[in-house]
């Protein structure tokens, strides 16, 4: 009986993981951003100031945020959507680190 219950729970976990993977691959269960607007190389360098103004608009460290955001944008030609997070949309922006290993881009 214990083996049957254990097998049942393992099956439930496997089904749950499969459902999560399928939903993620179809853009459900999280944000699905249009790659034309957000993604590597989606911006021209002249668009960086306005995109960084949007990205940094809600931080108390506006000057530092703008400096690093524009530096990252000019290198990566991408600024993630929203005010924070969502960096997976821009791998270059996400993976550029400081000497200490922390995130360089806000």
N, C-alpha and C. Protein backbone atom coordinates (compact mmCIF):
# COMPACT_ATOMS: atom_id res chain seq x y z
N UNK A 1 0.81 -1.19 0.00
CA UNK A 1 0.00 0.00 0.00
C UNK A 1 0.86 1.27 0.00
N UNK A 2 1.94 1.26 0.80
CA UNK A 2 2.83 2.42 0.87
C UNK A 2 3.50 2.68 -0.48
N UNK A 3 3.85 1.60 -1.19
CA UNK A 3 4.47 1.75 -2.50
C UNK A 3 3.48 2.37 -3.49
N UNK A 4 2.23 2.00 -3.39
CA UNK A 4 1.20 2.54 -4.28
C UNK A 4 1.01 4.04 -4.04
N UNK A 5 0.98 4.44 -2.79
CA UNK A 5 0.84 5.86 -2.45
C UNK A 5 2.06 6.65 -2.93
N UNK A 6 3.26 6.11 -2.74
CA UNK A 6 4.47 6.78 -3.18
C UNK A 6 4.47 6.93 -4.71
N UNK A 7 4.06 5.88 -5.42
CA UNK A 7 3.99 5.94 -6.88
C UNK A 7 2.96 6.97 -7.34
N UNK A 8 1.85 7.06 -6.64
CA UNK A 8 0.81 8.03 -6.96
C UNK A 8 1.35 9.46 -6.81
N UNK A 9 2.04 9.75 -5.71
CA UNK A 9 2.59 11.08 -5.51
C UNK A 9 3.68 11.41 -6.53
N UNK A 10 4.50 10.45 -6.87
CA UNK A 10 5.52 10.67 -7.90
C UNK A 10 4.87 10.99 -9.25
N UNK A 11 3.79 10.28 -9.56
CA UNK A 11 3.08 10.54 -10.81
C UNK A 11 2.48 11.95 -10.80
N UNK A 12 1.91 12.37 -9.68
CA UNK A 12 1.37 13.73 -9.58
C UNK A 12 2.46 14.79 -9.77
N UNK A 13 3.60 14.57 -9.17
CA UNK A 13 4.71 15.52 -9.31
C UNK A 13 5.17 15.58 -10.76
N UNK A 14 5.30 14.43 -11.40
CA UNK A 14 5.73 14.38 -12.80
C UNK A 14 4.73 15.09 -13.71
N UNK A 15 3.46 14.89 -13.49
CA UNK A 15 2.42 15.55 -14.30
C UNK A 15 2.47 17.06 -14.08
N UNK A 16 2.64 17.48 -12.84
CA UNK A 16 2.72 18.90 -12.54
C UNK A 16 3.92 19.55 -13.22
N UNK A 17 5.07 18.89 -13.19
CA UNK A 17 6.27 19.43 -13.84
C UNK A 17 6.07 19.50 -15.35
N UNK A 18 5.46 18.49 -15.93
CA UNK A 18 5.21 18.48 -17.37
C UNK A 18 4.27 19.61 -17.76
N UNK A 19 3.22 19.82 -16.99
CA UNK A 19 2.27 20.89 -17.27
C UNK A 19 2.95 22.25 -17.18
N UNK A 20 3.81 22.44 -16.19
CA UNK A 20 4.53 23.70 -16.04
C UNK A 20 5.43 23.96 -17.24
N UNK A 21 6.13 22.94 -17.70
CA UNK A 21 7.02 23.10 -18.85
C UNK A 21 6.22 23.43 -20.12
N UNK A 22 5.09 22.79 -20.31
CA UNK A 22 4.27 23.04 -21.49
C UNK A 22 3.72 24.47 -21.45
N UNK A 23 3.23 24.89 -20.29
CA UNK A 23 2.69 26.24 -20.17
C UNK A 23 3.77 27.29 -20.40
N UNK A 24 4.95 27.06 -19.87
CA UNK A 24 6.05 28.01 -20.05
C UNK A 24 6.47 28.10 -21.51
N UNK A 25 6.46 26.99 -22.21
CA UNK A 25 6.87 27.01 -23.61
C UNK A 25 5.85 27.72 -24.50
N UNK A 26 4.63 27.86 -24.03
CA UNK A 26 3.60 28.56 -24.79
C UNK A 26 3.38 29.98 -24.32
N UNK A 27 4.22 30.45 -23.40
CA UNK A 27 4.12 31.83 -22.93
C UNK A 27 3.09 32.02 -21.83
N UNK A 28 2.58 30.95 -21.24
CA UNK A 28 1.62 31.08 -20.14
C UNK A 28 2.35 30.90 -18.83
N UNK A 29 1.73 31.32 -17.77
CA UNK A 29 2.33 31.13 -16.46
C UNK A 29 3.44 32.12 -16.16
N UNK A 30 3.56 33.13 -16.95
CA UNK A 30 4.58 34.15 -16.76
C UNK A 30 4.39 35.17 -17.85
N UNK A 31 5.29 36.10 -17.95
CA UNK A 31 5.18 37.13 -18.98
C UNK A 31 5.78 36.61 -20.27
N UNK A 32 5.14 36.93 -21.37
CA UNK A 32 5.65 36.58 -22.68
C UNK A 32 5.79 37.88 -23.45
N UNK A 33 7.01 38.33 -23.61
CA UNK A 33 7.24 39.62 -24.23
C UNK A 33 7.51 39.47 -25.70
N UNK A 34 7.03 40.42 -26.46
CA UNK A 34 7.23 40.47 -27.89
C UNK A 34 8.70 40.70 -28.18
N UNK A 35 9.34 39.75 -28.87
CA UNK A 35 10.78 39.84 -29.12
C UNK A 35 11.14 40.99 -30.06
N UNK A 36 10.18 41.55 -30.79
CA UNK A 36 10.47 42.70 -31.64
C UNK A 36 10.73 43.94 -30.79
N UNK A 37 10.10 44.01 -29.61
CA UNK A 37 10.23 45.18 -28.75
C UNK A 37 11.23 44.97 -27.63
N UNK A 38 11.42 43.73 -27.20
CA UNK A 38 12.33 43.43 -26.10
C UNK A 38 13.15 42.22 -26.46
N UNK A 39 14.40 42.42 -26.64
CA UNK A 39 15.28 41.30 -26.94
C UNK A 39 16.62 41.83 -27.40
N UNK A 40 17.57 40.96 -27.55
CA UNK A 40 18.90 41.38 -27.97
C UNK A 40 18.85 42.15 -29.30
N UNK A 41 19.42 43.33 -29.30
CA UNK A 41 19.48 44.13 -30.52
C UNK A 41 18.16 44.75 -30.93
N UNK A 42 17.20 44.82 -30.02
CA UNK A 42 15.87 45.35 -30.38
C UNK A 42 15.84 46.87 -30.42
N UNK A 43 16.88 47.53 -29.91
CA UNK A 43 16.91 48.99 -29.88
C UNK A 43 18.03 49.54 -30.75
N UNK A 44 17.89 50.79 -31.13
CA UNK A 44 18.96 51.56 -31.75
C UNK A 44 19.57 52.39 -30.61
N UNK A 45 20.83 52.77 -30.75
CA UNK A 45 21.51 53.47 -29.66
C UNK A 45 20.82 54.78 -29.29
N UNK A 46 20.18 55.45 -30.24
CA UNK A 46 19.50 56.70 -29.92
C UNK A 46 18.24 56.49 -29.08
N UNK A 47 17.76 55.24 -28.98
CA UNK A 47 16.58 54.94 -28.17
C UNK A 47 16.93 54.67 -26.70
N UNK A 48 18.20 54.51 -26.41
CA UNK A 48 18.62 54.17 -25.04
C UNK A 48 18.18 55.18 -23.99
N UNK A 49 18.37 56.48 -24.20
CA UNK A 49 17.97 57.42 -23.13
C UNK A 49 16.49 57.31 -22.74
N UNK A 50 15.61 57.20 -23.71
CA UNK A 50 14.18 57.13 -23.37
C UNK A 50 13.83 55.80 -22.70
N UNK A 51 14.45 54.71 -23.15
CA UNK A 51 14.17 53.41 -22.52
C UNK A 51 14.73 53.35 -21.11
N UNK A 52 15.88 53.96 -20.90
CA UNK A 52 16.46 53.98 -19.56
C UNK A 52 15.68 54.92 -18.63
N UNK A 53 15.14 55.99 -19.17
CA UNK A 53 14.29 56.87 -18.37
C UNK A 53 13.08 56.08 -17.87
N UNK A 54 12.50 55.27 -18.74
CA UNK A 54 11.37 54.42 -18.34
C UNK A 54 11.82 53.41 -17.28
N UNK A 55 12.93 52.73 -17.55
CA UNK A 55 13.42 51.68 -16.65
C UNK A 55 13.75 52.23 -15.26
N UNK A 56 14.31 53.43 -15.21
CA UNK A 56 14.81 54.01 -13.95
C UNK A 56 13.83 54.96 -13.28
N UNK A 57 12.64 55.08 -13.82
CA UNK A 57 11.70 56.11 -13.34
C UNK A 57 11.22 55.91 -11.91
N UNK A 58 11.29 54.71 -11.36
CA UNK A 58 10.76 54.48 -10.01
C UNK A 58 11.82 54.19 -8.97
N UNK A 59 13.08 54.39 -9.31
CA UNK A 59 14.13 54.13 -8.33
C UNK A 59 14.52 55.41 -7.60
N UNK A 60 15.00 55.26 -6.38
CA UNK A 60 15.47 56.43 -5.65
C UNK A 60 16.91 56.78 -6.05
N UNK A 61 17.56 55.87 -6.78
CA UNK A 61 18.93 56.09 -7.25
C UNK A 61 18.92 56.38 -8.74
N UNK A 62 18.17 57.40 -9.12
CA UNK A 62 17.93 57.69 -10.53
C UNK A 62 19.21 57.96 -11.32
N UNK A 63 20.11 58.75 -10.78
CA UNK A 63 21.32 59.13 -11.52
C UNK A 63 22.20 57.91 -11.80
N UNK A 64 22.45 57.09 -10.79
CA UNK A 64 23.26 55.88 -10.97
C UNK A 64 22.56 54.90 -11.91
N UNK A 65 21.27 54.74 -11.74
CA UNK A 65 20.50 53.84 -12.61
C UNK A 65 20.61 54.27 -14.06
N UNK A 66 20.44 55.55 -14.31
CA UNK A 66 20.52 56.06 -15.69
C UNK A 66 21.92 55.86 -16.27
N UNK A 67 22.95 56.09 -15.48
CA UNK A 67 24.32 55.93 -15.96
C UNK A 67 24.57 54.49 -16.41
N UNK A 68 24.27 53.54 -15.53
CA UNK A 68 24.55 52.14 -15.85
C UNK A 68 23.59 51.58 -16.89
N UNK A 69 22.34 51.99 -16.83
CA UNK A 69 21.37 51.53 -17.82
C UNK A 69 21.81 51.95 -19.23
N UNK A 70 22.22 53.21 -19.38
CA UNK A 70 22.62 53.68 -20.70
C UNK A 70 23.90 52.99 -21.17
N UNK A 71 24.82 52.74 -20.25
CA UNK A 71 26.04 52.02 -20.59
C UNK A 71 25.69 50.61 -21.08
N UNK A 72 24.80 49.94 -20.37
CA UNK A 72 24.39 48.59 -20.74
C UNK A 72 23.60 48.59 -22.05
N UNK A 73 22.74 49.57 -22.21
CA UNK A 73 21.92 49.65 -23.41
C UNK A 73 22.79 49.87 -24.65
N UNK A 74 23.77 50.73 -24.54
CA UNK A 74 24.64 51.00 -25.69
C UNK A 74 25.43 49.75 -26.09
N UNK A 75 25.78 48.93 -25.11
CA UNK A 75 26.51 47.69 -25.39
C UNK A 75 25.57 46.61 -25.92
N UNK A 76 24.43 46.45 -25.28
CA UNK A 76 23.53 45.33 -25.57
C UNK A 76 22.41 45.66 -26.55
N UNK A 77 22.13 46.96 -26.73
CA UNK A 77 21.01 47.41 -27.56
C UNK A 77 19.70 46.78 -27.12
N UNK A 78 19.53 46.74 -25.80
CA UNK A 78 18.34 46.13 -25.22
C UNK A 78 18.17 46.67 -23.80
N UNK A 79 16.94 46.97 -23.42
CA UNK A 79 16.59 47.32 -22.04
C UNK A 79 15.35 46.49 -21.70
N UNK A 80 15.40 45.74 -20.60
CA UNK A 80 14.27 44.88 -20.25
C UNK A 80 12.99 45.69 -20.00
N UNK A 81 11.84 45.07 -20.18
CA UNK A 81 10.58 45.75 -19.89
C UNK A 81 10.39 45.93 -18.39
N UNK A 82 9.59 46.89 -18.03
CA UNK A 82 9.27 47.11 -16.62
C UNK A 82 10.31 47.97 -15.93
N UNK A 83 10.12 48.13 -14.62
CA UNK A 83 10.97 48.98 -13.81
C UNK A 83 12.10 48.20 -13.15
N UNK A 84 11.95 46.90 -13.00
CA UNK A 84 12.97 46.04 -12.42
C UNK A 84 12.70 44.62 -12.88
N UNK A 85 13.70 43.75 -12.72
CA UNK A 85 13.53 42.35 -13.11
C UNK A 85 13.42 42.19 -14.61
N UNK A 86 12.86 41.10 -15.05
CA UNK A 86 12.63 40.76 -16.46
C UNK A 86 13.92 40.74 -17.28
N UNK A 87 15.07 40.59 -16.63
CA UNK A 87 16.34 40.67 -17.33
C UNK A 87 16.59 39.48 -18.26
N UNK A 88 15.88 38.39 -18.07
CA UNK A 88 16.08 37.22 -18.94
C UNK A 88 15.74 37.53 -20.39
N UNK A 89 14.94 38.57 -20.61
CA UNK A 89 14.56 38.98 -21.97
C UNK A 89 15.79 39.51 -22.72
N UNK A 90 16.75 40.07 -22.00
CA UNK A 90 17.96 40.65 -22.59
C UNK A 90 19.18 39.93 -22.00
N UNK A 91 19.61 38.83 -22.59
CA UNK A 91 20.71 38.06 -22.01
C UNK A 91 21.99 38.86 -21.79
N UNK A 92 22.37 39.69 -22.73
CA UNK A 92 23.59 40.51 -22.59
C UNK A 92 23.44 41.42 -21.36
N UNK A 93 22.32 42.07 -21.25
CA UNK A 93 22.01 42.97 -20.14
C UNK A 93 22.04 42.20 -18.82
N UNK A 94 21.52 41.00 -18.85
CA UNK A 94 21.44 40.17 -17.65
C UNK A 94 22.79 39.61 -17.24
N UNK A 95 23.64 39.26 -18.19
CA UNK A 95 24.87 38.54 -17.89
C UNK A 95 26.09 39.43 -17.69
N UNK A 96 25.99 40.72 -17.94
CA UNK A 96 27.12 41.63 -17.73
C UNK A 96 27.25 41.87 -16.23
N UNK A 97 28.37 41.48 -15.66
CA UNK A 97 28.57 41.54 -14.21
C UNK A 97 29.70 42.50 -13.83
N UNK A 98 29.68 42.94 -12.58
CA UNK A 98 30.76 43.76 -12.04
C UNK A 98 31.95 42.86 -11.72
N UNK A 99 33.06 43.47 -11.32
CA UNK A 99 34.25 42.69 -10.93
C UNK A 99 33.94 41.77 -9.76
N UNK A 100 33.02 42.22 -8.91
CA UNK A 100 32.65 41.44 -7.72
C UNK A 100 31.64 40.33 -8.05
N UNK A 101 31.13 40.32 -9.26
CA UNK A 101 30.18 39.30 -9.67
C UNK A 101 28.72 39.70 -9.55
N UNK A 102 28.47 40.93 -9.13
CA UNK A 102 27.09 41.42 -9.03
C UNK A 102 26.59 41.91 -10.37
N UNK A 103 25.31 42.19 -10.50
CA UNK A 103 24.76 42.67 -11.77
C UNK A 103 25.25 44.09 -12.08
N UNK A 104 25.67 44.32 -13.30
CA UNK A 104 26.12 45.65 -13.70
C UNK A 104 24.94 46.49 -14.16
N UNK A 105 23.96 45.85 -14.77
CA UNK A 105 22.85 46.57 -15.39
C UNK A 105 21.62 46.57 -14.48
N UNK A 106 20.99 47.75 -14.33
CA UNK A 106 19.81 47.83 -13.44
C UNK A 106 18.56 47.24 -14.06
